[in-house]
N, C-alpha and C. Protein backbone atom coordinates (compact mmCIF):
# COMPACT_ATOMS: atom_id res chain seq x y z
N MET A 1 49.34 4.08 11.61
CA MET A 1 49.15 2.65 11.55
C MET A 1 50.52 1.98 11.56
N ILE A 2 50.57 0.81 12.12
CA ILE A 2 51.77 -0.02 12.08
C ILE A 2 51.39 -1.30 11.36
N ALA A 3 52.20 -1.71 10.39
CA ALA A 3 51.91 -2.91 9.61
C ALA A 3 53.20 -3.57 9.16
N THR A 4 53.12 -4.86 8.90
CA THR A 4 54.26 -5.63 8.41
C THR A 4 54.15 -5.79 6.90
N SER A 5 55.24 -5.53 6.21
CA SER A 5 55.27 -5.69 4.76
C SER A 5 55.19 -7.17 4.40
N PRO A 6 54.24 -7.56 3.55
CA PRO A 6 54.16 -8.96 3.14
C PRO A 6 55.31 -9.37 2.22
N LEU A 7 56.03 -8.40 1.68
CA LEU A 7 57.14 -8.71 0.79
C LEU A 7 58.48 -8.86 1.52
N THR A 8 58.70 -8.00 2.53
CA THR A 8 60.02 -7.98 3.18
C THR A 8 59.99 -8.45 4.63
N GLY A 9 58.80 -8.45 5.25
CA GLY A 9 58.71 -8.78 6.67
C GLY A 9 59.12 -7.64 7.58
N ARG A 10 59.45 -6.49 7.03
CA ARG A 10 59.81 -5.32 7.82
C ARG A 10 58.53 -4.68 8.38
N ILE A 11 58.62 -4.02 9.52
CA ILE A 11 57.48 -3.38 10.16
C ILE A 11 57.57 -1.87 9.90
N PHE A 12 56.47 -1.30 9.39
CA PHE A 12 56.43 0.11 9.04
C PHE A 12 55.35 0.84 9.82
N SER A 13 55.59 2.12 10.06
CA SER A 13 54.62 3.01 10.69
C SER A 13 54.40 4.19 9.76
N GLY A 14 53.14 4.62 9.65
CA GLY A 14 52.85 5.78 8.81
C GLY A 14 51.36 6.00 8.67
N ARG A 15 51.01 6.97 7.86
CA ARG A 15 49.61 7.28 7.57
C ARG A 15 49.11 6.33 6.49
N VAL A 16 47.81 5.99 6.57
CA VAL A 16 47.23 5.08 5.58
C VAL A 16 46.05 5.76 4.88
N ASN A 17 45.67 5.19 3.74
CA ASN A 17 44.54 5.74 3.00
C ASN A 17 43.23 5.46 3.74
N LYS A 18 42.16 6.04 3.24
CA LYS A 18 40.85 5.93 3.88
C LYS A 18 40.40 4.47 4.05
N ASP A 19 40.73 3.62 3.09
CA ASP A 19 40.35 2.21 3.14
C ASP A 19 41.29 1.37 4.00
N ARG A 20 42.35 2.00 4.51
CA ARG A 20 43.36 1.33 5.34
C ARG A 20 44.03 0.17 4.60
N THR A 21 44.23 0.36 3.29
CA THR A 21 44.82 -0.69 2.47
C THR A 21 46.24 -0.37 2.00
N ALA A 22 46.67 0.87 2.19
CA ALA A 22 48.01 1.25 1.72
C ALA A 22 48.51 2.47 2.48
N PHE A 23 49.82 2.53 2.64
CA PHE A 23 50.43 3.71 3.25
C PHE A 23 50.39 4.86 2.25
N ILE A 24 50.22 6.07 2.77
CA ILE A 24 50.29 7.26 1.92
C ILE A 24 51.35 8.18 2.51
N GLY A 25 52.04 8.87 1.66
CA GLY A 25 53.10 9.75 2.14
C GLY A 25 54.27 8.94 2.66
N LYS A 26 54.96 9.54 3.62
CA LYS A 26 56.17 8.93 4.16
C LYS A 26 55.83 7.84 5.18
N LYS A 27 56.52 6.71 5.07
CA LYS A 27 56.40 5.66 6.07
C LYS A 27 57.79 5.43 6.66
N GLN A 28 57.82 4.91 7.87
CA GLN A 28 59.10 4.74 8.57
C GLN A 28 59.26 3.28 8.97
N ASP A 29 60.44 2.72 8.74
CA ASP A 29 60.76 1.36 9.17
C ASP A 29 61.00 1.38 10.67
N VAL A 30 60.15 0.71 11.43
CA VAL A 30 60.26 0.67 12.90
C VAL A 30 60.51 -0.76 13.40
N THR A 31 61.00 -1.61 12.52
CA THR A 31 61.20 -3.02 12.87
C THR A 31 62.06 -3.18 14.11
N SER A 32 63.20 -2.56 14.16
CA SER A 32 64.11 -2.72 15.30
C SER A 32 63.47 -2.24 16.60
N GLU A 33 62.78 -1.10 16.53
CA GLU A 33 62.14 -0.55 17.72
C GLU A 33 61.03 -1.46 18.24
N VAL A 34 60.22 -2.01 17.33
CA VAL A 34 59.13 -2.90 17.73
C VAL A 34 59.68 -4.18 18.36
N LEU A 35 60.68 -4.76 17.73
CA LEU A 35 61.25 -6.01 18.26
C LEU A 35 61.92 -5.78 19.61
N LYS A 36 62.59 -4.64 19.77
CA LYS A 36 63.20 -4.31 21.07
C LYS A 36 62.13 -4.19 22.14
N ALA A 37 61.00 -3.54 21.80
CA ALA A 37 59.91 -3.40 22.76
C ALA A 37 59.30 -4.75 23.12
N ILE A 38 59.19 -5.65 22.16
CA ILE A 38 58.66 -6.99 22.44
C ILE A 38 59.59 -7.74 23.38
N ILE A 39 60.89 -7.65 23.14
CA ILE A 39 61.86 -8.30 24.03
C ILE A 39 61.76 -7.73 25.43
N GLU A 40 61.67 -6.41 25.55
CA GLU A 40 61.56 -5.78 26.86
C GLU A 40 60.28 -6.18 27.58
N LYS A 41 59.16 -6.28 26.84
CA LYS A 41 57.90 -6.71 27.44
C LYS A 41 58.01 -8.14 27.94
N ALA A 42 58.58 -9.02 27.12
CA ALA A 42 58.73 -10.42 27.53
C ALA A 42 59.65 -10.52 28.75
N GLU A 43 60.73 -9.77 28.78
CA GLU A 43 61.61 -9.79 29.95
C GLU A 43 60.88 -9.32 31.20
N PHE A 44 60.00 -8.32 31.06
CA PHE A 44 59.20 -7.84 32.19
C PHE A 44 58.30 -8.95 32.74
N HIS A 45 57.84 -9.83 31.84
CA HIS A 45 56.94 -10.93 32.22
C HIS A 45 57.70 -12.26 32.32
N ASN A 46 58.97 -12.19 32.68
CA ASN A 46 59.80 -13.39 32.88
C ASN A 46 59.92 -14.27 31.64
N GLY A 47 59.91 -13.66 30.47
CA GLY A 47 60.20 -14.39 29.24
C GLY A 47 59.00 -14.80 28.41
N THR A 48 57.77 -14.71 28.95
CA THR A 48 56.60 -15.16 28.21
C THR A 48 55.39 -14.27 28.52
N PHE A 49 54.61 -13.97 27.49
CA PHE A 49 53.34 -13.27 27.69
C PHE A 49 52.38 -13.67 26.59
N GLU A 50 51.10 -13.40 26.80
CA GLU A 50 50.07 -13.75 25.82
C GLU A 50 49.47 -12.50 25.21
N ILE A 51 49.04 -12.65 23.95
CA ILE A 51 48.33 -11.61 23.23
C ILE A 51 47.01 -12.22 22.78
N GLN A 52 45.92 -11.52 23.06
CA GLN A 52 44.62 -12.02 22.65
C GLN A 52 43.95 -10.99 21.76
N GLY A 53 43.40 -11.44 20.66
CA GLY A 53 42.68 -10.57 19.75
C GLY A 53 41.46 -11.29 19.22
N GLY A 54 40.29 -10.87 19.65
CA GLY A 54 39.07 -11.55 19.23
C GLY A 54 39.05 -12.97 19.76
N ASP A 55 38.87 -13.93 18.86
CA ASP A 55 38.84 -15.33 19.28
C ASP A 55 40.19 -16.03 19.09
N ARG A 56 41.25 -15.26 18.85
CA ARG A 56 42.58 -15.83 18.67
C ARG A 56 43.48 -15.44 19.83
N LYS A 57 44.44 -16.30 20.14
CA LYS A 57 45.38 -16.01 21.22
C LYS A 57 46.77 -16.53 20.81
N TRP A 58 47.80 -15.75 21.14
CA TRP A 58 49.17 -16.12 20.85
C TRP A 58 49.98 -16.08 22.14
N THR A 59 50.94 -16.98 22.24
CA THR A 59 51.90 -16.94 23.33
C THR A 59 53.23 -16.49 22.75
N VAL A 60 53.78 -15.41 23.31
CA VAL A 60 55.08 -14.90 22.88
C VAL A 60 56.09 -15.30 23.94
N SER A 61 57.15 -15.94 23.50
CA SER A 61 58.17 -16.41 24.43
C SER A 61 59.54 -16.08 23.86
N ILE A 62 60.43 -15.60 24.71
CA ILE A 62 61.79 -15.29 24.26
C ILE A 62 62.80 -16.03 25.12
N GLU A 63 63.92 -16.27 24.53
CA GLU A 63 65.04 -16.90 25.23
C GLU A 63 66.31 -16.28 24.69
N GLN A 64 67.16 -15.80 25.57
CA GLN A 64 68.40 -15.18 25.10
C GLN A 64 69.32 -16.25 24.54
N ALA A 65 69.83 -16.01 23.33
CA ALA A 65 70.72 -16.94 22.66
C ALA A 65 72.10 -16.88 23.29
N LEU A 66 72.78 -18.01 23.32
CA LEU A 66 74.16 -18.05 23.78
C LEU A 66 75.06 -17.52 22.68
N LYS A 67 76.13 -16.86 23.05
CA LYS A 67 77.10 -16.41 22.07
C LYS A 67 77.79 -17.61 21.46
N GLU A 68 78.14 -17.50 20.17
CA GLU A 68 78.86 -18.57 19.50
C GLU A 68 80.18 -18.84 20.22
N GLY A 69 80.52 -20.11 20.33
CA GLY A 69 81.77 -20.50 20.95
C GLY A 69 81.69 -20.68 22.44
N THR A 70 80.47 -20.55 23.01
CA THR A 70 80.33 -20.75 24.46
C THR A 70 79.49 -21.98 24.75
């Protein structure tokens, strides 16, 4: 399972209990990898893509930041 910590905002991957309410055993912080994959997906789709789940829909859009001093 992959989930976001409500306390830290970090994204973790690992095994969960039967009720899917908590990680059990070792969990791994995959925040950087997930965010990199989202950036790569958005770049593949020219900067914007949509995610739909049930009756909800999100638009994900990225824009590369300018370096400071430019």
